[in-house]
Protein backbone atom coordinates (compact mmCIF):
# COMPACT_ATOMS: atom_id res chain seq x y z
CA MET A 1 -72.80 39.49 -36.09
CA LYS A 2 -76.58 40.30 -36.22
CA ASN A 3 -79.07 38.09 -36.80
CA GLN A 4 -80.22 40.30 -39.41
CA GLU A 5 -77.01 39.96 -41.32
CA ILE A 6 -76.71 36.66 -40.95
CA CYS A 7 -79.47 36.00 -43.12
CA LEU A 8 -78.47 38.43 -45.76
CA MET A 9 -75.64 36.29 -46.03
CA VAL A 10 -77.55 32.50 -45.80
CA LYS A 11 -79.88 34.80 -48.48
CA LYS A 12 -76.71 35.43 -50.68
CA PHE A 13 -75.06 32.56 -50.31
CA LEU A 14 -78.34 30.56 -51.57
CA SER A 15 -78.87 32.53 -54.44
CA TRP A 16 -74.97 31.99 -55.65
CA ARG A 17 -75.64 28.40 -55.09
CA GLU A 18 -78.65 28.82 -57.28
CA ASN A 19 -76.81 30.23 -60.47
CA LEU A 20 -74.52 27.50 -60.35
CA TYR A 21 -76.86 25.01 -60.22
CA LYS A 22 -77.79 26.27 -63.48
CA GLY A 23 -74.76 26.67 -64.75
CA LEU A 24 -74.44 22.99 -64.58
CA ASN A 25 -75.26 21.02 -67.94
CA ALA A 26 -75.19 17.73 -66.46
CA ARG A 27 -75.00 15.94 -63.42
CA ARG A 28 -75.85 19.28 -60.97
CA GLU A 29 -76.68 17.25 -57.62
CA THR A 30 -73.13 14.93 -58.39
CA VAL A 31 -71.48 18.50 -58.68
CA ILE A 32 -73.33 20.56 -55.86
CA GLU A 33 -72.28 17.64 -53.48
CA LEU A 34 -68.95 16.82 -54.45
CA LEU A 35 -68.37 21.13 -54.15
CA ASP A 36 -69.94 20.49 -50.48
CA ALA A 37 -67.56 17.49 -49.75
CA LEU A 38 -64.28 19.71 -51.12
CA SER A 39 -65.54 22.66 -49.05
CA SER A 40 -66.19 20.39 -45.88
CA ASN A 41 -62.93 18.50 -46.38
CA GLN A 42 -60.74 17.94 -43.49
CA GLN A 43 -58.65 14.20 -44.52
CA ALA A 44 -59.06 13.27 -47.79
CA ALA A 45 -56.12 13.44 -49.82
CA SER A 46 -56.66 12.45 -53.47
CA VAL A 47 -60.10 13.41 -55.67
CA VAL A 48 -61.45 9.58 -54.66
CA GLU A 49 -61.58 9.61 -50.83
CA LEU A 50 -63.75 12.96 -51.62
CA SER A 51 -66.92 10.39 -51.96
CA LEU A 52 -66.43 9.00 -48.54
CA ASN A 53 -67.58 12.89 -46.91
CA PRO A 54 -70.85 12.04 -45.86
CA LEU A 55 -72.46 15.59 -47.87
CA PHE A 56 -71.33 13.34 -50.94
CA ARG A 57 -74.03 11.02 -50.96
CA ARG A 58 -73.58 9.10 -53.73
CA ASP A 59 -70.36 6.41 -54.69
CA TYR A 60 -66.89 7.07 -56.46
CA ASN A 61 -68.30 6.08 -59.81
CA SER A 62 -70.92 9.80 -59.79
CA LEU A 63 -67.90 11.17 -58.54
CA TYR A 64 -65.85 10.65 -62.05
CA LYS A 65 -68.82 11.31 -64.07
CA GLY A 66 -69.89 14.31 -62.07
CA ILE A 67 -66.63 15.97 -63.22
CA GLN A 68 -66.40 14.34 -67.29
CA GLU A 69 -69.94 14.98 -68.01
CA PHE A 70 -70.99 18.46 -66.19
CA LEU A 71 -69.76 20.99 -69.05
CA PRO A 72 -70.72 19.23 -72.59
CA PRO A 73 -68.03 18.88 -75.02
CA GLN A 74 -66.19 21.76 -76.25
CA THR A 75 -67.53 21.09 -80.11
CA ASP A 76 -71.18 21.42 -79.00
CA ASP A 77 -73.30 25.24 -79.84
CA LYS A 78 -73.98 24.63 -75.78
CA TYR A 79 -70.53 24.93 -74.82
CA SER A 80 -69.92 28.98 -74.44
CA GLU A 81 -73.49 29.18 -72.95
CA GLN A 82 -72.42 27.06 -70.29
CA ILE A 83 -69.55 28.68 -70.09
CA ASN A 84 -70.83 32.06 -69.48
CA SER A 85 -73.58 30.53 -67.09
CA LEU A 86 -70.87 29.34 -64.81
CA LEU A 87 -68.53 32.56 -64.98
CA ASP A 88 -71.76 34.73 -63.75
CA ALA A 89 -71.74 32.31 -61.26
CA VAL A 90 -68.47 32.70 -59.56
CA SER A 91 -68.14 36.46 -60.08
CA PHE A 92 -70.77 36.98 -58.45
CA THR A 93 -68.32 35.46 -55.57
CA ILE A 94 -66.53 39.19 -56.16
CA PRO A 95 -66.85 41.27 -53.60
CA THR A 96 -67.34 45.31 -55.34
CA SER A 97 -64.73 47.66 -54.67
CA LYS A 98 -65.37 51.31 -53.51
CA SER A 99 -62.12 52.14 -54.13
CA ARG A 100 -60.91 50.93 -57.39
CA PRO A 101 -62.97 51.74 -60.17
CA PHE A 102 -61.79 48.43 -62.07
CA ASN A 103 -60.98 44.64 -62.14
CA LEU A 104 -57.79 43.07 -61.08
CA LEU A 105 -57.41 39.80 -62.48
CA GLY A 106 -53.65 37.42 -62.00
CA ILE A 107 -52.56 34.74 -64.44
CA ASP A 108 -49.88 32.31 -64.07
CA THR A 109 -49.36 28.31 -64.27
CA THR A 110 -48.83 25.98 -62.14
CA PRO A 111 -46.97 22.26 -62.57
CA TYR A 112 -48.51 19.09 -61.65
CA PRO A 113 -45.53 16.51 -61.41
CA ARG A 114 -46.62 12.98 -62.23
CA PRO A 115 -42.93 11.03 -63.13
CA TYR A 116 -44.81 7.80 -62.01
CA SER A 117 -47.27 8.18 -64.04
CA ALA A 118 -46.78 5.73 -66.97
CA THR A 119 -49.78 6.35 -68.66
CA LEU A 120 -50.82 9.02 -68.22
CA ALA A 121 -51.46 10.95 -71.83
CA ASP A 122 -49.67 14.29 -72.79
CA LYS A 123 -47.01 14.05 -69.90
CA THR A 124 -44.11 16.22 -71.06
CA PHE A 125 -41.79 18.24 -69.26
CA ILE A 126 -42.28 21.16 -66.95
CA HIS A 127 -40.88 24.01 -65.23
CA TYR A 128 -40.44 22.81 -61.20
CA PRO A 129 -38.73 24.61 -58.98
CA ASN A 130 -35.97 22.37 -56.90
CA PRO A 131 -34.63 23.05 -53.64
CA ILE A 132 -31.82 21.57 -53.54
CA LYS A 133 -28.86 23.51 -55.68
CA GLY A 134 -27.14 22.43 -58.54
CA ASN A 135 -30.49 20.65 -59.80
CA LYS A 136 -32.53 21.76 -62.91
CA PRO A 137 -35.43 23.17 -62.04
CA ILE A 138 -37.45 20.66 -64.45
CA SER A 139 -39.64 17.49 -63.39
CA ILE A 140 -42.21 15.04 -66.00
CA GLY A 141 -46.01 15.75 -65.92
CA HIS A 142 -48.52 19.06 -66.61
CA THR A 143 -48.70 22.60 -66.57
CA TYR A 144 -51.92 24.53 -65.88
CA SER A 145 -52.52 28.09 -66.68
CA VAL A 146 -55.11 29.45 -63.74
CA VAL A 147 -56.69 33.41 -64.43
CA SER A 148 -57.92 34.55 -60.83
CA ALA A 149 -59.47 37.75 -59.83
CA LEU A 150 -58.43 39.76 -56.97
CA PRO A 151 -60.24 41.16 -54.72
CA ASP A 152 -60.06 44.34 -53.37
CA ARG A 153 -58.21 43.72 -49.83
CA SER A 154 -60.21 46.51 -48.64
CA GLU A 155 -63.20 44.48 -49.06
CA THR A 156 -62.01 40.95 -47.63
CA GLY A 157 -60.70 42.41 -44.24
CA ASN A 158 -57.17 43.02 -45.74
CA VAL A 159 -57.22 39.24 -46.02
CA PRO A 160 -55.40 38.04 -49.86
CA TRP A 161 -57.95 36.04 -51.16
CA THR A 162 -58.04 34.85 -54.87
CA ILE A 163 -61.18 33.86 -56.98
CA PRO A 164 -60.52 31.30 -60.00
CA LEU A 165 -62.07 32.27 -63.36
CA SER A 166 -60.50 29.48 -65.61
CA GLY A 167 -58.10 26.69 -65.62
CA GLU A 168 -57.05 24.98 -68.44
CA ARG A 169 -54.26 22.58 -68.84
CA VAL A 170 -51.38 23.73 -71.41
CA GLN A 171 -50.64 20.88 -73.69
CA ALA A 172 -47.17 19.42 -74.73
CA GLU A 173 -47.88 21.60 -77.88
CA GLU A 174 -49.06 24.52 -76.77
CA LYS A 175 -47.63 27.70 -75.38
CA ALA A 176 -49.31 29.05 -72.04
CA ALA A 177 -49.21 32.62 -72.83
CA ASN A 178 -51.72 31.19 -76.20
CA VAL A 179 -53.81 29.72 -73.40
CA GLY A 180 -53.72 32.62 -71.80
CA ASN A 181 -55.04 34.50 -74.60
CA LYS A 182 -57.79 31.53 -75.03
CA GLN A 183 -59.05 31.99 -70.89
CA LEU A 184 -58.95 35.43 -71.40
CA LYS A 185 -60.53 36.06 -74.37
CA LYS A 186 -63.73 33.71 -72.83
CA ILE A 187 -63.59 35.30 -69.81
CA PHE A 188 -64.28 39.06 -71.41
CA LYS A 189 -67.08 37.52 -73.73
CA SER A 190 -69.05 36.58 -70.57
CA SER A 191 -71.34 38.98 -69.44
CA SER A 192 -69.71 39.86 -66.48
CA PHE A 193 -66.99 41.13 -67.79
CA SER A 194 -68.24 42.55 -71.30
CA ASP A 195 -69.10 46.08 -70.22
CA ASN A 196 -66.99 49.06 -70.62
CA GLN A 197 -65.29 48.70 -67.22
CA LEU A 198 -61.35 48.53 -67.35
CA SER A 199 -59.75 45.13 -66.55
CA VAL A 200 -55.58 45.33 -65.19
CA LEU A 201 -53.94 42.21 -65.75
CA VAL A 202 -50.76 40.89 -63.36
CA ALA A 203 -48.46 38.61 -64.55
CA ASP A 204 -44.41 37.52 -65.02
CA SER A 205 -42.52 38.02 -67.71
CA LEU A 206 -43.37 35.36 -69.08
CA TYR A 207 -46.50 37.02 -70.96
CA SER A 208 -44.31 39.91 -72.18
CA GLN A 209 -44.23 38.45 -75.31
CA ARG A 210 -45.54 40.43 -78.61
CA ASN A 211 -48.07 38.19 -79.32
CA PHE A 212 -49.59 37.75 -75.92
CA ILE A 213 -49.64 41.80 -75.70
CA GLY A 214 -51.04 42.41 -78.58
CA GLU A 215 -53.88 40.39 -78.39
CA GLN A 216 -55.17 41.96 -75.49
CA VAL A 217 -54.35 45.21 -76.66
CA SER A 218 -56.65 44.18 -79.89
CA ALA A 219 -58.93 43.67 -77.34
CA LYS A 220 -59.22 47.53 -76.04
CA LYS A 221 -60.35 45.90 -72.63
CA LEU A 222 -56.36 45.01 -70.79
CA SER A 223 -54.57 46.93 -68.73
CA TYR A 224 -51.41 45.81 -69.15
CA ASP A 225 -48.29 45.08 -66.08
CA TYR A 226 -45.87 42.19 -65.73
CA LYS A 227 -43.04 41.47 -63.42
CA SER A 228 -39.81 40.14 -62.72
CA GLN A 229 -39.79 36.36 -62.63
CA LYS A 230 -37.19 37.33 -60.59
């Protein structure tokens, strides 16, 4: 790789880092160092162990405060503004496709079993595949809804790559499809996705519900495609 190409990549990275820094509401330095520690992690098996990474120069108390306070409360008037700033920073990493005239997104839920966490709030029964024949595919814990951008493989060297845009916990009284609707609305309200470019969503049959499809069709921005869970 030529020095000129390396300099261009470094310039783009610094620009992205600056956009991300501006998109944070509070604890900016702490969050940036936490991301550096996470990106270079080779041995930490838990979040708190990231505070031992040499790139994280603060203690574990700062680590937790950074996670809890980098966004304002959802009731704050600045919450939507901060979300848009972060989405813009993340969207900057999506390579522009020369052959695909649309944004390709994927949505799904991922389980996080916590059966032994006695004090964890809002635990519920979750779908969790069990490899042992005859056992029910369930566990106890949390479920998270994740929306990701799926870049064109021709732009990533044919390497599978997903760029998470939104991740929210599905509370016990909520449905994953409803949470997904809220996430997509936030994404399409951001400046990175508010133009007239078509967006295509890939999902499994869980999202074939009438209320989910109806919400997205009414937005007039989404071409819907779903696959069987088989």
